Amino acid sequence: MRAVVFRDPQRPVEVADVDLDDPRPGEVRVRIAAAGVCHSDLHVRRGEWRVAAPLVMGHEGSGTCSPSAQE
């Protein structure tokens, strides 16, 4: 999956390929169609809020569940 990755407020964010674990019991896989970078993400990017890095930005997502998740 491609994602916007934040590493440090002194470096530009980067679009990178990331690997995700398979869903565990009680979780579903969602095909993300779009994700927004919200004001919270901007605070992190500007260095106003300290967070553990690296982190994937854009936690406000929109998508659809995979067919197996709908069972």
N, C-alpha and C. Protein backbone atom coordinates (compact mmCIF):
# COMPACT_ATOMS: atom_id res chain seq x y z
N MET A 1 0.85 -1.16 0.00
CA MET A 1 0.00 0.00 0.00
C MET A 1 0.90 1.23 0.00
N ARG A 2 0.47 2.27 -0.68
CA ARG A 2 1.21 3.53 -0.68
C ARG A 2 0.61 4.44 0.38
N ALA A 3 1.48 5.17 1.08
CA ALA A 3 1.02 6.01 2.17
C ALA A 3 1.91 7.24 2.29
N VAL A 4 1.37 8.30 2.90
CA VAL A 4 2.15 9.49 3.23
C VAL A 4 2.79 9.22 4.58
N VAL A 5 4.11 9.20 4.62
CA VAL A 5 4.84 8.85 5.83
C VAL A 5 5.56 10.07 6.39
N PHE A 6 5.31 10.35 7.67
CA PHE A 6 5.98 11.43 8.40
C PHE A 6 7.09 10.81 9.22
N ARG A 7 8.28 11.41 9.14
CA ARG A 7 9.41 10.92 9.93
C ARG A 7 9.94 11.96 10.91
N ASP A 8 9.93 13.23 10.49
CA ASP A 8 10.52 14.30 11.31
C ASP A 8 10.03 15.63 10.77
N PRO A 9 9.73 16.61 11.64
CA PRO A 9 9.24 17.90 11.14
C PRO A 9 10.27 18.67 10.30
N GLN A 10 11.53 18.27 10.39
CA GLN A 10 12.57 18.94 9.60
C GLN A 10 12.73 18.34 8.21
N ARG A 11 12.04 17.25 7.93
CA ARG A 11 12.12 16.58 6.62
C ARG A 11 10.76 16.61 5.95
N PRO A 12 10.75 16.66 4.63
CA PRO A 12 9.46 16.57 3.94
C PRO A 12 8.82 15.20 4.17
N VAL A 13 7.48 15.16 4.18
CA VAL A 13 6.82 13.86 4.21
C VAL A 13 7.11 13.16 2.90
N GLU A 14 6.97 11.85 2.87
CA GLU A 14 7.23 11.11 1.64
C GLU A 14 6.10 10.15 1.35
N VAL A 15 5.87 9.89 0.10
CA VAL A 15 4.92 8.85 -0.31
C VAL A 15 5.76 7.59 -0.46
N ALA A 16 5.40 6.56 0.30
CA ALA A 16 6.20 5.34 0.32
C ALA A 16 5.29 4.12 0.33
N ASP A 17 5.83 3.00 -0.12
CA ASP A 17 5.13 1.72 -0.01
C ASP A 17 5.30 1.21 1.42
N VAL A 18 4.21 0.78 2.03
CA VAL A 18 4.26 0.22 3.39
C VAL A 18 3.57 -1.14 3.37
N ASP A 19 4.00 -2.02 4.26
CA ASP A 19 3.41 -3.35 4.40
C ASP A 19 2.49 -3.35 5.62
N LEU A 20 1.35 -4.00 5.48
CA LEU A 20 0.40 -4.13 6.58
C LEU A 20 0.25 -5.59 6.95
N ASP A 21 0.03 -5.86 8.23
CA ASP A 21 -0.28 -7.21 8.67
C ASP A 21 -1.66 -7.59 8.17
N ASP A 22 -1.91 -8.89 8.03
CA ASP A 22 -3.26 -9.36 7.69
C ASP A 22 -4.19 -9.04 8.86
N PRO A 23 -5.49 -8.88 8.57
CA PRO A 23 -6.44 -8.61 9.66
C PRO A 23 -6.44 -9.75 10.67
N ARG A 24 -6.59 -9.38 11.93
CA ARG A 24 -6.72 -10.36 13.02
C ARG A 24 -8.20 -10.59 13.29
N PRO A 25 -8.54 -11.56 14.11
CA PRO A 25 -9.96 -11.79 14.45
C PRO A 25 -10.60 -10.50 14.97
N GLY A 26 -11.79 -10.20 14.45
CA GLY A 26 -12.50 -8.99 14.86
C GLY A 26 -12.15 -7.77 14.05
N GLU A 27 -11.17 -7.86 13.13
CA GLU A 27 -10.79 -6.75 12.27
C GLU A 27 -11.24 -7.03 10.84
N VAL A 28 -11.35 -6.00 10.03
CA VAL A 28 -11.70 -6.16 8.62
C VAL A 28 -10.68 -5.44 7.77
N ARG A 29 -10.56 -5.89 6.53
CA ARG A 29 -9.70 -5.22 5.56
C ARG A 29 -10.57 -4.23 4.79
N VAL A 30 -10.11 -3.00 4.65
CA VAL A 30 -10.86 -1.96 3.95
C VAL A 30 -10.00 -1.46 2.79
N ARG A 31 -10.59 -1.45 1.59
CA ARG A 31 -9.91 -0.88 0.43
C ARG A 31 -10.13 0.63 0.50
N ILE A 32 -9.07 1.37 0.76
CA ILE A 32 -9.17 2.82 0.92
C ILE A 32 -9.27 3.49 -0.45
N ALA A 33 -10.27 4.32 -0.62
CA ALA A 33 -10.45 5.08 -1.86
C ALA A 33 -9.83 6.46 -1.74
N ALA A 34 -9.88 7.03 -0.54
CA ALA A 34 -9.32 8.36 -0.32
C ALA A 34 -9.05 8.53 1.18
N ALA A 35 -8.06 9.34 1.50
CA ALA A 35 -7.77 9.66 2.89
C ALA A 35 -7.37 11.12 2.96
N GLY A 36 -7.92 11.81 3.94
CA GLY A 36 -7.61 13.23 4.07
C GLY A 36 -6.57 13.48 5.15
N VAL A 37 -5.77 14.50 4.92
CA VAL A 37 -4.84 14.97 5.94
C VAL A 37 -5.57 16.06 6.70
N CYS A 38 -5.83 15.81 7.98
CA CYS A 38 -6.64 16.74 8.77
C CYS A 38 -5.75 17.72 9.54
N HIS A 39 -6.39 18.58 10.30
CA HIS A 39 -5.67 19.60 11.05
C HIS A 39 -4.74 18.98 12.09
N SER A 40 -5.13 17.86 12.67
CA SER A 40 -4.24 17.16 13.61
C SER A 40 -2.93 16.77 12.92
N ASP A 41 -3.03 16.25 11.69
CA ASP A 41 -1.84 15.89 10.93
C ASP A 41 -0.96 17.11 10.68
N LEU A 42 -1.56 18.25 10.44
CA LEU A 42 -0.77 19.47 10.20
C LEU A 42 -0.01 19.88 11.46
N HIS A 43 -0.62 19.74 12.63
CA HIS A 43 0.09 20.03 13.88
C HIS A 43 1.33 19.14 13.99
N VAL A 44 1.17 17.86 13.67
CA VAL A 44 2.30 16.93 13.72
C VAL A 44 3.36 17.34 12.72
N ARG A 45 2.95 17.62 11.49
CA ARG A 45 3.90 17.99 10.42
C ARG A 45 4.70 19.23 10.79
N ARG A 46 4.06 20.19 11.42
CA ARG A 46 4.73 21.44 11.80
C ARG A 46 5.60 21.30 13.05
N GLY A 47 5.53 20.13 13.70
CA GLY A 47 6.32 19.92 14.90
C GLY A 47 5.67 20.47 16.15
N GLU A 48 4.40 20.86 16.07
CA GLU A 48 3.68 21.43 17.21
C GLU A 48 3.23 20.34 18.20
N TRP A 49 3.01 19.13 17.70
CA TRP A 49 2.66 18.00 18.53
C TRP A 49 3.73 16.93 18.34
N ARG A 50 4.26 16.42 19.42
CA ARG A 50 5.28 15.38 19.34
C ARG A 50 4.59 14.00 19.28
N VAL A 51 5.05 13.19 18.36
CA VAL A 51 4.50 11.84 18.20
C VAL A 51 5.65 10.87 17.94
N ALA A 52 5.40 9.60 18.16
CA ALA A 52 6.37 8.58 17.80
C ALA A 52 6.40 8.47 16.28
N ALA A 53 7.55 8.46 15.70
CA ALA A 53 7.69 8.39 14.25
C ALA A 53 8.53 7.17 13.91
N PRO A 54 8.37 6.63 12.70
CA PRO A 54 7.53 7.15 11.62
C PRO A 54 6.05 6.87 11.86
N LEU A 55 5.21 7.65 11.17
CA LEU A 55 3.79 7.43 11.25
C LEU A 55 3.14 7.74 9.91
N VAL A 56 2.05 7.02 9.63
CA VAL A 56 1.29 7.23 8.39
C VAL A 56 0.27 8.31 8.65
N MET A 57 0.28 9.34 7.81
CA MET A 57 -0.67 10.45 7.94
C MET A 57 -1.93 10.15 7.14
N GLY A 58 -3.00 10.87 7.46
CA GLY A 58 -4.25 10.71 6.72
C GLY A 58 -5.17 9.68 7.35
N HIS A 59 -5.50 9.83 8.63
CA HIS A 59 -6.30 8.83 9.33
C HIS A 59 -7.80 8.97 9.09
N GLU A 60 -8.21 9.95 8.30
CA GLU A 60 -9.64 10.09 7.98
C GLU A 60 -9.89 9.46 6.61
N GLY A 61 -10.15 8.16 6.61
CA GLY A 61 -10.25 7.43 5.36
C GLY A 61 -11.67 7.12 4.94
N SER A 62 -11.82 6.82 3.66
CA SER A 62 -13.08 6.41 3.09
C SER A 62 -12.81 5.22 2.18
N GLY A 63 -13.60 4.16 2.30
CA GLY A 63 -13.35 3.01 1.47
C GLY A 63 -14.47 2.00 1.58
N THR A 64 -14.18 0.77 1.12
CA THR A 64 -15.15 -0.31 1.13
C THR A 64 -14.50 -1.56 1.74
N CYS A 65 -15.33 -2.36 2.42
CA CYS A 65 -14.84 -3.62 2.99
C CYS A 65 -14.64 -4.63 1.88
N SER A 66 -13.68 -5.52 2.09
CA SER A 66 -13.49 -6.61 1.13
C SER A 66 -14.68 -7.57 1.22
N PRO A 67 -14.96 -8.34 0.17
CA PRO A 67 -16.12 -9.25 0.20
C PRO A 67 -16.07 -10.23 1.37
N SER A 68 -14.91 -10.73 1.74
CA SER A 68 -14.87 -11.70 2.83
C SER A 68 -15.24 -11.08 4.17
N ALA A 69 -15.07 -9.75 4.31
CA ALA A 69 -15.40 -9.07 5.56
C ALA A 69 -16.90 -8.89 5.73
N GLN A 70 -17.67 -9.06 4.66
CA GLN A 70 -19.10 -8.82 4.72
C GLN A 70 -19.86 -10.08 5.13
N GLU A 71 -19.19 -11.18 5.35
CA GLU A 71 -19.85 -12.43 5.73
C GLU A 71 -20.28 -12.41 7.16
